[in-house]
Amino acid sequence: MGTNEEHAPIRRVLIANRGEIAIRIAEAAAASRAESVAVFVEADRRGLHTRVADDAVSLPSAPSDPIAGYLNVAAVVEAAVAADCDAIHPGYGFLSENPALADACVEAGLTFIGPPAEALRLFGDKVTARALARSL
């Protein structure tokens, strides 16, 4: 999570991704004795990741753009809250480098499993990140 603060153990994590990465996160959660919740859009309803996770919830999506559901920060956070999760793991791609998700997690009282929003903002801008690296 990017800090050395003490946190309560994660008991239920929403995986904001699909496919192989979601499966790996679900397996890691199980190894940590945490439950996992997969998300899916209608096109992925029968995806393996939805069966490997302990639970699965759908995200709103349009048949013309199924990927948009995985990029909808508000819908992902709402799904986590509705599924009684205490954390969100973005995996990679999709929302993994989106500081808005990290901010929304904090606002909803969820743990974002990834770098803090400030780090995502800083390193998401390569010019600023290089300038910081040079200054250090």
C-alpha atoms as a PDB file:
ATOM      1  CA  MET A   1       0.000   0.000   0.000  1.00  0.00           C
ATOM      2  CA  GLY A   2       2.976   2.241  -0.152  1.00  0.00           C
ATOM      3  CA  THR A   3       3.331   3.062   3.549  1.00  0.00           C
ATOM      4  CA  ASN A   4       4.690   1.419   6.666  1.00  0.00           C
ATOM      5  CA  GLU A   5       1.484   2.053   8.613  1.00  0.00           C
ATOM      6  CA  GLU A   6      -0.165  -0.796  10.482  1.00  0.00           C
ATOM      7  CA  HIS A   7      -3.359  -2.009   8.822  1.00  0.00           C
ATOM      8  CA  ALA A   8      -5.958  -4.573   9.740  1.00  0.00           C
ATOM      9  CA  PRO A   9      -5.616  -7.770   7.735  1.00  0.00           C
ATOM     10  CA  ILE A  10      -7.555  -7.760   4.489  1.00  0.00           C
ATOM     11  CA  ARG A  11     -10.463 -10.160   4.771  1.00  0.00           C
ATOM     12  CA  ARG A  12     -12.227  -9.608   1.419  1.00  0.00           C
ATOM     13  CA  VAL A  13     -10.698  -8.084  -1.697  1.00  0.00           C
ATOM     14  CA  LEU A  14     -12.371  -6.985  -4.907  1.00  0.00           C
ATOM     15  CA  ILE A  15     -10.217  -7.744  -7.939  1.00  0.00           C
ATOM     16  CA  ALA A  16     -10.658  -4.909 -10.435  1.00  0.00           C
ATOM     17  CA  ASN A  17      -9.397  -6.924 -13.381  1.00  0.00           C
ATOM     18  CA  ARG A  18     -10.116 -10.064 -15.381  1.00  0.00           C
ATOM     19  CA  GLY A  19      -8.449 -13.111 -16.882  1.00  0.00           C
ATOM     20  CA  GLU A  20      -5.120 -14.533 -15.751  1.00  0.00           C
ATOM     21  CA  ILE A  21      -4.172 -11.601 -13.534  1.00  0.00           C
ATOM     22  CA  ALA A  22      -7.490 -11.854 -11.661  1.00  0.00           C
ATOM     23  CA  ILE A  23      -6.922 -15.582 -11.186  1.00  0.00           C
ATOM     24  CA  ARG A  24      -3.455 -14.965  -9.760  1.00  0.00           C
ATOM     25  CA  ILE A  25      -4.772 -12.329  -7.364  1.00  0.00           C
ATOM     26  CA  ALA A  26      -7.596 -14.652  -6.241  1.00  0.00           C
ATOM     27  CA  GLU A  27      -5.037 -17.392  -5.558  1.00  0.00           C
ATOM     28  CA  ALA A  28      -2.833 -14.977  -3.607  1.00  0.00           C
ATOM     29  CA  ALA A  29      -5.845 -13.840  -1.598  1.00  0.00           C
ATOM     30  CA  ALA A  30      -6.736 -17.447  -0.769  1.00  0.00           C
ATOM     31  CA  ALA A  31      -3.145 -18.099   0.313  1.00  0.00           C
ATOM     32  CA  SER A  32      -3.481 -15.092   2.638  1.00  0.00           C
ATOM     33  CA  ARG A  33      -6.802 -16.411   3.956  1.00  0.00           C
ATOM     34  CA  ALA A  34      -8.717 -13.541   2.375  1.00  0.00           C
ATOM     35  CA  GLU A  35     -11.835 -13.961   0.263  1.00  0.00           C
ATOM     36  CA  SER A  36     -11.796 -12.678  -3.303  1.00  0.00           C
ATOM     37  CA  VAL A  37     -14.509 -11.046  -5.355  1.00  0.00           C
ATOM     38  CA  ALA A  38     -14.154 -10.984  -9.133  1.00  0.00           C
ATOM     39  CA  VAL A  39     -15.802  -8.386 -11.322  1.00  0.00           C
ATOM     40  CA  PHE A  40     -17.058  -9.012 -14.811  1.00  0.00           C
ATOM     41  CA  VAL A  41     -18.910  -7.389 -17.642  1.00  0.00           C
ATOM     42  CA  GLU A  42     -21.576  -9.368 -19.462  1.00  0.00           C
ATOM     43  CA  ALA A  43     -19.113 -10.509 -22.156  1.00  0.00           C
ATOM     44  CA  ASP A  44     -16.925 -12.091 -19.442  1.00  0.00           C
ATOM     45  CA  ARG A  45     -19.723 -13.545 -17.286  1.00  0.00           C
ATOM     46  CA  ARG A  46     -18.462 -17.111 -17.815  1.00  0.00           C
ATOM     47  CA  GLY A  47     -14.757 -16.237 -17.574  1.00  0.00           C
ATOM     48  CA  LEU A  48     -12.576 -18.513 -15.484  1.00  0.00           C
ATOM     49  CA  HIS A  49     -11.704 -15.672 -13.125  1.00  0.00           C
ATOM     50  CA  THR A  50     -15.375 -15.479 -12.070  1.00  0.00           C
ATOM     51  CA  ARG A  51     -15.277 -19.140 -11.030  1.00  0.00           C
ATOM     52  CA  VAL A  52     -11.887 -19.096  -9.287  1.00  0.00           C
ATOM     53  CA  ALA A  53     -12.823 -16.187  -7.015  1.00  0.00           C
ATOM     54  CA  ASP A  54     -15.017 -16.764  -3.962  1.00  0.00           C
ATOM     55  CA  ASP A  55     -17.686 -14.454  -5.368  1.00  0.00           C
ATOM     56  CA  ALA A  56     -18.326 -12.458  -8.533  1.00  0.00           C
ATOM     57  CA  VAL A  57     -20.267  -9.273  -9.242  1.00  0.00           C
ATOM     58  CA  SER A  58     -21.167  -7.678 -12.526  1.00  0.00           C
ATOM     59  CA  LEU A  59     -20.151  -4.235 -13.679  1.00  0.00           C
ATOM     60  CA  PRO A  60     -22.364  -2.155 -15.954  1.00  0.00           C
ATOM     61  CA  SER A  61     -21.240  -2.301 -19.551  1.00  0.00           C
ATOM     62  CA  ALA A  62     -22.445  -1.726 -23.066  1.00  0.00           C
ATOM     63  CA  PRO A  63     -22.173  -4.565 -25.593  1.00  0.00           C
ATOM     64  CA  SER A  64     -20.451  -2.117 -27.938  1.00  0.00           C
ATOM     65  CA  ASP A  65     -17.683  -1.362 -25.400  1.00  0.00           C
ATOM     66  CA  PRO A  66     -17.300  -4.092 -22.771  1.00  0.00           C
ATOM     67  CA  ILE A  67     -13.911  -2.793 -21.609  1.00  0.00           C
ATOM     68  CA  ALA A  68     -15.499   0.448 -20.385  1.00  0.00           C
ATOM     69  CA  GLY A  69     -17.016  -1.401 -17.432  1.00  0.00           C
ATOM     70  CA  TYR A  70     -13.554  -2.277 -16.122  1.00  0.00           C
ATOM     71  CA  LEU A  71     -12.506   1.387 -16.409  1.00  0.00           C
ATOM     72  CA  ASN A  72     -15.467   2.800 -14.481  1.00  0.00           C
ATOM     73  CA  VAL A  73     -13.962   3.874 -11.144  1.00  0.00           C
ATOM     74  CA  ALA A  74     -17.311   4.645  -9.524  1.00  0.00           C
ATOM     75  CA  ALA A  75     -18.803   1.287 -10.549  1.00  0.00           C
ATOM     76  CA  VAL A  76     -15.753  -0.641  -9.304  1.00  0.00           C
ATOM     77  CA  VAL A  77     -15.804   1.099  -5.909  1.00  0.00           C
ATOM     78  CA  GLU A  78     -19.581   0.684  -5.660  1.00  0.00           C
ATOM     79  CA  ALA A  79     -19.191  -3.039  -6.413  1.00  0.00           C
ATOM     80  CA  ALA A  80     -16.560  -3.366  -3.675  1.00  0.00           C
ATOM     81  CA  VAL A  81     -18.752  -1.651  -1.102  1.00  0.00           C
ATOM     82  CA  ALA A  82     -21.839  -3.664  -2.125  1.00  0.00           C
ATOM     83  CA  ALA A  83     -19.841  -6.918  -1.901  1.00  0.00           C
ATOM     84  CA  ASP A  84     -18.628  -6.023   1.621  1.00  0.00           C
ATOM     85  CA  CYS A  85     -14.981  -5.819   0.556  1.00  0.00           C
ATOM     86  CA  ASP A  86     -12.413  -3.951   2.566  1.00  0.00           C
ATOM     87  CA  ALA A  87      -9.857  -3.642  -0.245  1.00  0.00           C
ATOM     88  CA  ILE A  88      -9.489  -3.332  -4.007  1.00  0.00           C
ATOM     89  CA  HIS A  89      -6.621  -4.822  -5.992  1.00  0.00           C
ATOM     90  CA  PRO A  90      -6.397  -3.351  -9.512  1.00  0.00           C
ATOM     91  CA  GLY A  91      -4.009  -5.927 -10.988  1.00  0.00           C
ATOM     92  CA  TYR A  92      -2.222  -4.371 -13.948  1.00  0.00           C
ATOM     93  CA  GLY A  93      -3.555  -2.393 -16.873  1.00  0.00           C
ATOM     94  CA  PHE A  94      -7.113  -1.039 -16.653  1.00  0.00           C
ATOM     95  CA  LEU A  95      -7.174   1.064 -13.456  1.00  0.00           C
ATOM     96  CA  SER A  96      -3.828   0.047 -11.949  1.00  0.00           C
ATOM     97  CA  GLU A  97      -2.161   3.392 -12.622  1.00  0.00           C
ATOM     98  CA  ASN A  98      -5.231   5.557 -12.148  1.00  0.00           C
ATOM     99  CA  PRO A  99      -4.923   7.826  -9.104  1.00  0.00           C
ATOM    100  CA  ALA A 100      -8.696   8.383  -9.192  1.00  0.00           C
ATOM    101  CA  LEU A 101      -9.219   4.772  -8.079  1.00  0.00           C
ATOM    102  CA  ALA A 102      -6.752   5.134  -5.213  1.00  0.00           C
ATOM    103  CA  ASP A 103      -8.466   8.370  -4.143  1.00  0.00           C
ATOM    104  CA  ALA A 104     -11.939   6.800  -4.440  1.00  0.00           C
ATOM    105  CA  CYS A 105     -10.833   3.877  -2.275  1.00  0.00           C
ATOM    106  CA  VAL A 106      -9.681   6.227   0.478  1.00  0.00           C
ATOM    107  CA  GLU A 107     -12.950   8.178   0.251  1.00  0.00           C
ATOM    108  CA  ALA A 108     -14.973   4.934   0.526  1.00  0.00           C
ATOM    109  CA  GLY A 109     -12.914   3.609   3.432  1.00  0.00           C
ATOM    110  CA  LEU A 110     -11.345   0.860   1.324  1.00  0.00           C
ATOM    111  CA  THR A 111      -7.709  -0.158   1.163  1.00  0.00           C
ATOM    112  CA  PHE A 112      -6.167   0.356  -2.271  1.00  0.00           C
ATOM    113  CA  ILE A 113      -3.626  -2.389  -2.869  1.00  0.00           C
ATOM    114  CA  GLY A 114      -1.060  -0.415  -4.784  1.00  0.00           C
ATOM    115  CA  PRO A 115       0.895   2.822  -4.612  1.00  0.00           C
ATOM    116  CA  PRO A 116      -0.692   5.870  -2.997  1.00  0.00           C
ATOM    117  CA  ALA A 117      -2.534   8.234  -5.312  1.00  0.00           C
ATOM    118  CA  GLU A 118       0.216  10.864  -5.021  1.00  0.00           C
ATOM    119  CA  ALA A 119       2.811   8.385  -6.302  1.00  0.00           C
ATOM    120  CA  LEU A 120       0.540   7.396  -9.184  1.00  0.00           C
ATOM    121  CA  ARG A 121       0.062  11.057 -10.097  1.00  0.00           C
ATOM    122  CA  LEU A 122       3.789  11.772  -9.876  1.00  0.00           C
ATOM    123  CA  PHE A 123       5.013   8.754 -11.783  1.00  0.00           C
ATOM    124  CA  GLY A 124       2.135   8.832 -14.254  1.00  0.00           C
ATOM    125  CA  ASP A 125       3.653  12.036 -15.615  1.00  0.00           C
ATOM    126  CA  LYS A 126       6.987  10.898 -17.063  1.00  0.00           C
ATOM    127  CA  VAL A 127       8.366  14.448 -17.424  1.00  0.00           C
ATOM    128  CA  THR A 128       7.727  15.204 -13.740  1.00  0.00           C
ATOM    129  CA  ALA A 129       9.043  11.796 -12.670  1.00  0.00           C
ATOM    130  CA  ARG A 130      12.285  12.298 -14.618  1.00  0.00           C
ATOM    131  CA  ALA A 131      12.692  15.778 -13.154  1.00  0.00           C
ATOM    132  CA  LEU A 132      12.258  14.363  -9.648  1.00  0.00           C
ATOM    133  CA  ALA A 133      14.766  11.582 -10.355  1.00  0.00           C
ATOM    134  CA  ARG A 134      17.318  14.105 -11.628  1.00  0.00           C
ATOM    135  CA  SER A 135      16.820  16.331  -8.585  1.00  0.00           C
ATOM    136  CA  LEU A 136      17.477  13.434  -6.231  1.00  0.00           C
END
